[in-house]
Amino acid sequence: MNALVYVVIGIHVICSFGLIIFVLLHSGKGTGLSSMLGGAMPTTGSGTGIIEKNLDRITIAFAAGYALSALILVMTYRAA
């Protein structure tokens, strides 16, 4: 295996742990980080707070990184 595969595997592992953590931080029916920390913060017209929007963006970024690293691994990884 070359160095690219090791780097992509590292990115894949970091994205997988980040994705797990940020999915668990999302609120479901009034519980979670966004209602705990953002209860007094004003909400937008859609009903979601600033913290929830940022959690959504971070989760999407980790999911995109995970998917991209998985595709790169499929193309470059050669099993021995």
PDB file of N, CA and C in Angstrom:
ATOM      1  N   MET A   1       0.844  -1.183   0.000  1.00  0.00           N
ATOM      2  CA  MET A   1       0.000   0.000   0.000  1.00  0.00           C
ATOM      3  C   MET A   1       0.890   1.247   0.000  1.00  0.00           C
ATOM      4  N   ASN A   2       0.416   2.239  -0.673  1.00  0.00           N
ATOM      5  CA  ASN A   2       1.184   3.474  -0.730  1.00  0.00           C
ATOM      6  C   ASN A   2       0.719   4.459   0.342  1.00  0.00           C
ATOM      7  N   ALA A   3       1.384   5.587   0.412  1.00  0.00           N
ATOM      8  CA  ALA A   3       1.103   6.576   1.460  1.00  0.00           C
ATOM      9  C   ALA A   3      -0.289   7.186   1.316  1.00  0.00           C
ATOM     10  N   LEU A   4      -0.794   7.303   0.088  1.00  0.00           N
ATOM     11  CA  LEU A   4      -2.126   7.869  -0.131  1.00  0.00           C
ATOM     12  C   LEU A   4      -3.200   7.047   0.574  1.00  0.00           C
ATOM     13  N   VAL A   5      -3.061   5.740   0.523  1.00  0.00           N
ATOM     14  CA  VAL A   5      -4.059   4.870   1.161  1.00  0.00           C
ATOM     15  C   VAL A   5      -4.059   5.087   2.671  1.00  0.00           C
ATOM     16  N   TYR A   6      -2.894   5.220   3.270  1.00  0.00           N
ATOM     17  CA  TYR A   6      -2.821   5.450   4.713  1.00  0.00           C
ATOM     18  C   TYR A   6      -3.436   6.792   5.104  1.00  0.00           C
ATOM     19  N   VAL A   7      -3.201   7.806   4.311  1.00  0.00           N
ATOM     20  CA  VAL A   7      -3.776   9.118   4.588  1.00  0.00           C
ATOM     21  C   VAL A   7      -5.296   9.069   4.460  1.00  0.00           C
ATOM     22  N   VAL A   8      -5.786   8.422   3.425  1.00  0.00           N
ATOM     23  CA  VAL A   8      -7.240   8.350   3.208  1.00  0.00           C
ATOM     24  C   VAL A   8      -7.902   7.502   4.289  1.00  0.00           C
ATOM     25  N   ILE A   9      -7.239   6.444   4.737  1.00  0.00           N
ATOM     26  CA  ILE A   9      -7.788   5.637   5.833  1.00  0.00           C
ATOM     27  C   ILE A   9      -7.866   6.475   7.108  1.00  0.00           C
ATOM     28  N   GLY A  10      -6.851   7.300   7.372  1.00  0.00           N
ATOM     29  CA  GLY A  10      -6.892   8.184   8.533  1.00  0.00           C
ATOM     30  C   GLY A  10      -8.032   9.183   8.455  1.00  0.00           C
ATOM     31  N   ILE A  11      -8.224   9.785   7.292  1.00  0.00           N
ATOM     32  CA  ILE A  11      -9.338  10.720   7.092  1.00  0.00           C
ATOM     33  C   ILE A  11     -10.672  10.001   7.256  1.00  0.00           C
ATOM     34  N   HIS A  12     -10.762   8.785   6.762  1.00  0.00           N
ATOM     35  CA  HIS A  12     -11.986   7.986   6.849  1.00  0.00           C
ATOM     36  C   HIS A  12     -12.341   7.700   8.316  1.00  0.00           C
ATOM     37  N   VAL A  13     -11.343   7.343   9.111  1.00  0.00           N
ATOM     38  CA  VAL A  13     -11.580   7.051  10.526  1.00  0.00           C
ATOM     39  C   VAL A  13     -11.991   8.314  11.280  1.00  0.00           C
ATOM     40  N   ILE A  14     -11.328   9.430  11.017  1.00  0.00           N
ATOM     41  CA  ILE A  14     -11.682  10.685  11.675  1.00  0.00           C
ATOM     42  C   ILE A  14     -13.103  11.102  11.313  1.00  0.00           C
ATOM     43  N   CYS A  15     -13.454  10.971  10.040  1.00  0.00           N
ATOM     44  CA  CYS A  15     -14.815  11.329   9.610  1.00  0.00           C
ATOM     45  C   CYS A  15     -15.861  10.397  10.217  1.00  0.00           C
ATOM     46  N   SER A  16     -15.536   9.128  10.373  1.00  0.00           N
ATOM     47  CA  SER A  16     -16.511   8.203  10.942  1.00  0.00           C
ATOM     48  C   SER A  16     -16.778   8.528  12.407  1.00  0.00           C
ATOM     49  N   PHE A  17     -15.715   8.813  13.190  1.00  0.00           N
ATOM     50  CA  PHE A  17     -15.928   9.176  14.586  1.00  0.00           C
ATOM     51  C   PHE A  17     -16.642  10.521  14.707  1.00  0.00           C
ATOM     52  N   GLY A  18     -16.273  11.478  13.869  1.00  0.00           N
ATOM     53  CA  GLY A  18     -16.943  12.769  13.891  1.00  0.00           C
ATOM     54  C   GLY A  18     -18.412  12.661  13.527  1.00  0.00           C
ATOM     55  N   LEU A  19     -18.701  11.813  12.560  1.00  0.00           N
ATOM     56  CA  LEU A  19     -20.097  11.613  12.156  1.00  0.00           C
ATOM     57  C   LEU A  19     -20.910  10.991  13.283  1.00  0.00           C
ATOM     58  N   ILE A  20     -20.342  10.020  13.964  1.00  0.00           N
ATOM     59  CA  ILE A  20     -21.040   9.393  15.096  1.00  0.00           C
ATOM     60  C   ILE A  20     -21.315  10.422  16.186  1.00  0.00           C
ATOM     61  N   ILE A  21     -20.307  11.203  16.529  1.00  0.00           N
ATOM     62  CA  ILE A  21     -20.454  12.183  17.608  1.00  0.00           C
ATOM     63  C   ILE A  21     -21.500  13.238  17.262  1.00  0.00           C
ATOM     64  N   PHE A  22     -21.436  13.789  16.042  1.00  0.00           N
ATOM     65  CA  PHE A  22     -22.351  14.878  15.709  1.00  0.00           C
ATOM     66  C   PHE A  22     -23.765  14.404  15.418  1.00  0.00           C
ATOM     67  N   VAL A  23     -23.946  13.172  15.000  1.00  0.00           N
ATOM     68  CA  VAL A  23     -25.310  12.649  14.875  1.00  0.00           C
ATOM     69  C   VAL A  23     -25.921  12.462  16.254  1.00  0.00           C
ATOM     70  N   LEU A  24     -25.121  12.010  17.219  1.00  0.00           N
ATOM     71  CA  LEU A  24     -25.644  11.839  18.569  1.00  0.00           C
ATOM     72  C   LEU A  24     -25.926  13.167  19.265  1.00  0.00           C
ATOM     73  N   LEU A  25     -25.285  14.246  18.838  1.00  0.00           N
ATOM     74  CA  LEU A  25     -25.542  15.552  19.432  1.00  0.00           C
ATOM     75  C   LEU A  25     -26.844  16.181  18.947  1.00  0.00           C
ATOM     76  N   HIS A  26     -27.384  15.698  17.847  1.00  0.00           N
ATOM     77  CA  HIS A  26     -28.631  16.266  17.323  1.00  0.00           C
ATOM     78  C   HIS A  26     -29.778  16.010  18.282  1.00  0.00           C
ATOM     79  N   SER A  27     -30.715  16.910  18.262  1.00  0.00           N
ATOM     80  CA  SER A  27     -31.863  16.777  19.144  1.00  0.00           C
ATOM     81  C   SER A  27     -32.945  15.940  18.477  1.00  0.00           C
ATOM     82  N   GLY A  28     -33.693  15.316  19.296  1.00  0.00           N
ATOM     83  CA  GLY A  28     -34.856  14.599  18.815  1.00  0.00           C
ATOM     84  C   GLY A  28     -36.021  14.930  19.720  1.00  0.00           C
ATOM     85  N   LYS A  29     -37.060  15.495  19.274  1.00  0.00           N
ATOM     86  CA  LYS A  29     -38.265  15.827  20.034  1.00  0.00           C
ATOM     87  C   LYS A  29     -37.970  16.605  21.324  1.00  0.00           C
ATOM     88  N   GLY A  30     -37.223  17.697  21.196  1.00  0.00           N
ATOM     89  CA  GLY A  30     -37.042  18.588  22.328  1.00  0.00           C
ATOM     90  C   GLY A  30     -35.899  18.250  23.260  1.00  0.00           C
ATOM     91  N   THR A  31     -35.097  17.254  22.952  1.00  0.00           N
ATOM     92  CA  THR A  31     -33.953  16.942  23.794  1.00  0.00           C
ATOM     93  C   THR A  31     -32.693  17.051  22.968  1.00  0.00           C
ATOM     94  N   GLY A  32     -31.582  17.097  23.626  1.00  0.00           N
ATOM     95  CA  GLY A  32     -30.317  17.153  22.917  1.00  0.00           C
ATOM     96  C   GLY A  32     -29.593  18.454  23.164  1.00  0.00           C
ATOM     97  N   LEU A  33     -28.496  18.620  22.476  1.00  0.00           N
ATOM     98  CA  LEU A  33     -27.627  19.769  22.700  1.00  0.00           C
ATOM     99  C   LEU A  33     -28.299  21.076  22.306  1.00  0.00           C
ATOM    100  N   SER A  34     -29.055  21.073  21.246  1.00  0.00           N
ATOM    101  CA  SER A  34     -29.626  22.334  20.780  1.00  0.00           C
ATOM    102  C   SER A  34     -30.669  22.878  21.750  1.00  0.00           C
ATOM    103  N   SER A  35     -31.464  22.050  22.358  1.00  0.00           N
ATOM    104  CA  SER A  35     -32.444  22.564  23.316  1.00  0.00           C
ATOM    105  C   SER A  35     -31.806  22.827  24.670  1.00  0.00           C
ATOM    106  N   MET A  36     -30.739  22.099  25.003  1.00  0.00           N
ATOM    107  CA  MET A  36     -30.077  22.304  26.272  1.00  0.00           C
ATOM    108  C   MET A  36     -29.326  23.638  26.292  1.00  0.00           C
ATOM    109  N   LEU A  37     -28.613  23.944  25.215  1.00  0.00           N
ATOM    110  CA  LEU A  37     -27.814  25.162  25.172  1.00  0.00           C
ATOM    111  C   LEU A  37     -28.523  26.322  24.502  1.00  0.00           C
ATOM    112  N   GLY A  38     -29.436  26.032  23.602  1.00  0.00           N
ATOM    113  CA  GLY A  38     -30.046  27.098  22.829  1.00  0.00           C
ATOM    114  C   GLY A  38     -31.477  27.376  23.196  1.00  0.00           C
ATOM    115  N   GLY A  39     -31.889  27.054  24.402  1.00  0.00           N
ATOM    116  CA  GLY A  39     -33.281  27.262  24.787  1.00  0.00           C
ATOM    117  C   GLY A  39     -33.681  28.718  24.809  1.00  0.00           C
ATOM    118  N   ALA A  40     -32.773  29.603  25.197  1.00  0.00           N
ATOM    119  CA  ALA A  40     -33.091  31.020  25.289  1.00  0.00           C
ATOM    120  C   ALA A  40     -32.767  31.772  24.014  1.00  0.00           C
ATOM    121  N   MET A  41     -32.162  31.088  23.052  1.00  0.00           N
ATOM    122  CA  MET A  41     -31.788  31.764  21.811  1.00  0.00           C
ATOM    123  C   MET A  41     -32.986  31.858  20.875  1.00  0.00           C
ATOM    124  N   PRO A  42     -33.079  32.929  20.135  1.00  0.00           N
ATOM    125  CA  PRO A  42     -34.207  33.059  19.206  1.00  0.00           C
ATOM    126  C   PRO A  42     -34.092  32.056  18.056  1.00  0.00           C
ATOM    127  N   THR A  43     -35.221  31.607  17.585  1.00  0.00           N
ATOM    128  CA  THR A  43     -35.239  30.674  16.481  1.00  0.00           C
ATOM    129  C   THR A  43     -35.626  31.388  15.204  1.00  0.00           C
ATOM    130  N   THR A  44     -35.296  30.769  14.094  1.00  0.00           N
ATOM    131  CA  THR A  44     -35.650  31.354  12.802  1.00  0.00           C
ATOM    132  C   THR A  44     -37.068  30.936  12.426  1.00  0.00           C
ATOM    133  N   GLY A  45     -37.493  31.292  11.227  1.00  0.00           N
ATOM    134  CA  GLY A  45     -38.843  30.972  10.789  1.00  0.00           C
ATOM    135  C   GLY A  45     -39.115  29.488  10.658  1.00  0.00           C
ATOM    136  N   SER A  46     -38.074  28.696  10.431  1.00  0.00           N
ATOM    137  CA  SER A  46     -38.293  27.264  10.266  1.00  0.00           C
ATOM    138  C   SER A  46     -38.359  26.531  11.590  1.00  0.00           C
ATOM    139  N   GLY A  47     -38.071  27.217  12.699  1.00  0.00           N
ATOM    140  CA  GLY A  47     -38.180  26.591  14.000  1.00  0.00           C
ATOM    141  C   GLY A  47     -36.882  25.992  14.508  1.00  0.00           C
ATOM    142  N   THR A  48     -35.797  26.101  13.763  1.00  0.00           N
ATOM    143  CA  THR A  48     -34.532  25.566  14.223  1.00  0.00           C
ATOM    144  C   THR A  48     -33.628  26.695  14.670  1.00  0.00           C
ATOM    145  N   GLY A  49     -32.845  26.448  15.692  1.00  0.00           N
ATOM    146  CA  GLY A  49     -31.973  27.472  16.232  1.00  0.00           C
ATOM    147  C   GLY A  49     -30.643  27.519  15.514  1.00  0.00           C
ATOM    148  N   ILE A  50     -29.838  28.448  15.939  1.00  0.00           N
ATOM    149  CA  ILE A  50     -28.527  28.642  15.328  1.00  0.00           C
ATOM    150  C   ILE A  50     -27.638  27.441  15.602  1.00  0.00           C
ATOM    151  N   ILE A  51     -27.700  26.917  16.821  1.00  0.00           N
ATOM    152  CA  ILE A  51     -26.869  25.769  17.176  1.00  0.00           C
ATOM    153  C   ILE A  51     -27.253  24.553  16.334  1.00  0.00           C
ATOM    154  N   GLU A  52     -28.533  24.349  16.141  1.00  0.00           N
ATOM    155  CA  GLU A  52     -28.985  23.203  15.344  1.00  0.00           C
ATOM    156  C   GLU A  52     -28.544  23.332  13.888  1.00  0.00           C
ATOM    157  N   LYS A  53     -28.571  24.542  13.353  1.00  0.00           N
ATOM    158  CA  LYS A  53     -28.106  24.737  11.973  1.00  0.00           C
ATOM    159  C   LYS A  53     -26.620  24.441  11.846  1.00  0.00           C
ATOM    160  N   ASN A  54     -25.834  24.878  12.833  1.00  0.00           N
ATOM    161  CA  ASN A  54     -24.406  24.600  12.790  1.00  0.00           C
ATOM    162  C   ASN A  54     -24.129  23.106  12.951  1.00  0.00           C
ATOM    163  N   LEU A  55     -24.894  22.437  13.798  1.00  0.00           N
ATOM    164  CA  LEU A  55     -24.752  20.985  13.920  1.00  0.00           C
ATOM    165  C   LEU A  55     -25.081  20.298  12.598  1.00  0.00           C
ATOM    166  N   ASP A  56     -26.086  20.777  11.915  1.00  0.00           N
ATOM    167  CA  ASP A  56     -26.436  20.219  10.608  1.00  0.00           C
ATOM    168  C   ASP A  56     -25.291  20.391   9.614  1.00  0.00           C
ATOM    169  N   ARG A  57     -24.704  21.575   9.585  1.00  0.00           N
ATOM    170  CA  ARG A  57     -23.606  21.837   8.644  1.00  0.00           C
ATOM    171  C   ARG A  57     -22.389  20.970   8.942  1.00  0.00           C
ATOM    172  N   ILE A  58     -22.048  20.850  10.209  1.00  0.00           N
ATOM    173  CA  ILE A  58     -20.888  20.035  10.578  1.00  0.00           C
ATOM    174  C   ILE A  58     -21.144  18.570  10.268  1.00  0.00           C
ATOM    175  N   THR A  59     -22.352  18.093  10.542  1.00  0.00           N
ATOM    176  CA  THR A  59     -22.695  16.698  10.257  1.00  0.00           C
ATOM    177  C   THR A  59     -22.646  16.424   8.756  1.00  0.00           C
ATOM    178  N   ILE A  60     -23.139  17.340   7.963  1.00  0.00           N
ATOM    179  CA  ILE A  60     -23.097  17.178   6.501  1.00  0.00           C
ATOM    180  C   ILE A  60     -21.658  17.172   6.004  1.00  0.00           C
ATOM    181  N   ALA A  61     -20.813  18.014   6.586  1.00  0.00           N
ATOM    182  CA  ALA A  61     -19.402  18.045   6.183  1.00  0.00           C
ATOM    183  C   ALA A  61     -18.716  16.715   6.509  1.00  0.00           C
ATOM    184  N   PHE A  62     -18.966  16.172   7.698  1.00  0.00           N
ATOM    185  CA  PHE A  62     -18.376  14.882   8.050  1.00  0.00           C
ATOM    186  C   PHE A  62     -18.927  13.763   7.167  1.00  0.00           C
ATOM    187  N   ALA A  63     -20.212  13.814   6.834  1.00  0.00           N
ATOM    188  CA  ALA A  63     -20.790  12.793   5.968  1.00  0.00           C
ATOM    189  C   ALA A  63     -20.207  12.864   4.560  1.00  0.00           C
ATOM    190  N   ALA A  64     -20.006  14.073   4.060  1.00  0.00           N
ATOM    191  CA  ALA A  64     -19.405  14.221   2.733  1.00  0.00           C
ATOM    192  C   ALA A  64     -17.959  13.746   2.732  1.00  0.00           C
ATOM    193  N   GLY A  65     -17.217  14.062   3.783  1.00  0.00           N
ATOM    194  CA  GLY A  65     -15.846  13.574   3.893  1.00  0.00           C
ATOM    195  C   GLY A  65     -15.777  12.069   3.984  1.00  0.00           C
ATOM    196  N   TYR A  66     -16.710  11.478   4.718  1.00  0.00           N
ATOM    197  CA  TYR A  66     -16.769  10.022   4.845  1.00  0.00           C
ATOM    198  C   TYR A  66     -17.064   9.366   3.492  1.00  0.00           C
ATOM    199  N   ALA A  67     -18.041   9.913   2.777  1.00  0.00           N
ATOM    200  CA  ALA A  67     -18.408   9.341   1.483  1.00  0.00           C
ATOM    201  C   ALA A  67     -17.279   9.508   0.470  1.00  0.00           C
ATOM    202  N   LEU A  68     -16.654  10.662   0.458  1.00  0.00           N
ATOM    203  CA  LEU A  68     -15.563  10.900  -0.480  1.00  0.00           C
ATOM    204  C   LEU A  68     -14.361  10.004  -0.181  1.00  0.00           C
ATOM    205  N   SER A  69     -14.029   9.856   1.094  1.00  0.00           N
ATOM    206  CA  SER A  69     -12.906   8.979   1.438  1.00  0.00           C
ATOM    207  C   SER A  69     -13.232   7.521   1.145  1.00  0.00           C
ATOM    208  N   ALA A  70     -14.485   7.130   1.295  1.00  0.00           N
ATOM    209  CA  ALA A  70     -14.867   5.753   0.948  1.00  0.00           C
ATOM    210  C   ALA A  70     -14.714   5.515  -0.552  1.00  0.00           C
ATOM    211  N   LEU A  71     -15.105   6.490  -1.366  1.00  0.00           N
ATOM    212  CA  LEU A  71     -14.950   6.344  -2.814  1.00  0.00           C
ATOM    213  C   LEU A  71     -13.482   6.290  -3.224  1.00  0.00           C
ATOM    214  N   ILE A  72     -12.668   7.122  -2.597  1.00  0.00           N
ATOM    215  CA  ILE A  72     -11.234   7.103  -2.908  1.00  0.00           C
ATOM    216  C   ILE A  72     -10.618   5.772  -2.483  1.00  0.00           C
ATOM    217  N   LEU A  73     -11.035   5.249  -1.336  1.00  0.00           N
ATOM    218  CA  LEU A  73     -10.516   3.949  -0.896  1.00  0.00           C
ATOM    219  C   LEU A  73     -10.915   2.827  -1.841  1.00  0.00           C
ATOM    220  N   VAL A  74     -12.122   2.880  -2.356  1.00  0.00           N
ATOM    221  CA  VAL A  74     -12.558   1.848  -3.311  1.00  0.00           C
ATOM    222  C   VAL A  74     -11.701   1.875  -4.565  1.00  0.00           C
ATOM    223  N   MET A  75     -11.331   3.067  -4.987  1.00  0.00           N
ATOM    224  CA  MET A  75     -10.541   3.178  -6.214  1.00  0.00           C
ATOM    225  C   MET A  75      -9.053   2.879  -6.013  1.00  0.00           C
ATOM    226  N   THR A  76      -8.520   3.153  -4.822  1.00  0.00           N
ATOM    227  CA  THR A  76      -7.071   3.045  -4.643  1.00  0.00           C
ATOM    228  C   THR A  76      -6.618   1.861  -3.808  1.00  0.00           C
ATOM    229  N   TYR A  77      -7.457   1.310  -2.980  1.00  0.00           N
ATOM    230  CA  TYR A  77      -7.021   0.238  -2.075  1.00  0.00           C
ATOM    231  C   TYR A  77      -6.927  -1.090  -2.814  1.00  0.00           C
ATOM    232  N   ARG A  78      -5.826  -1.735  -2.660  1.00  0.00           N
ATOM    233  CA  ARG A  78      -5.619  -3.061  -3.244  1.00  0.00           C
ATOM    234  C   ARG A  78      -5.345  -4.041  -2.109  1.00  0.00           C
ATOM    235  N   ALA A  79      -6.200  -5.004  -1.958  1.00  0.00           N
ATOM    236  CA  ALA A  79      -6.020  -6.011  -0.904  1.00  0.00           C
ATOM    237  C   ALA A  79      -4.848  -6.931  -1.305  1.00  0.00           C
ATOM    238  N   ALA A  80      -4.088  -7.309  -0.315  1.00  0.00           N
ATOM    239  CA  ALA A  80      -2.911  -8.158  -0.593  1.00  0.00           C
ATOM    240  C   ALA A  80      -3.288  -9.598  -0.816  1.00  0.00           C
TER     241      ALA A  80
END
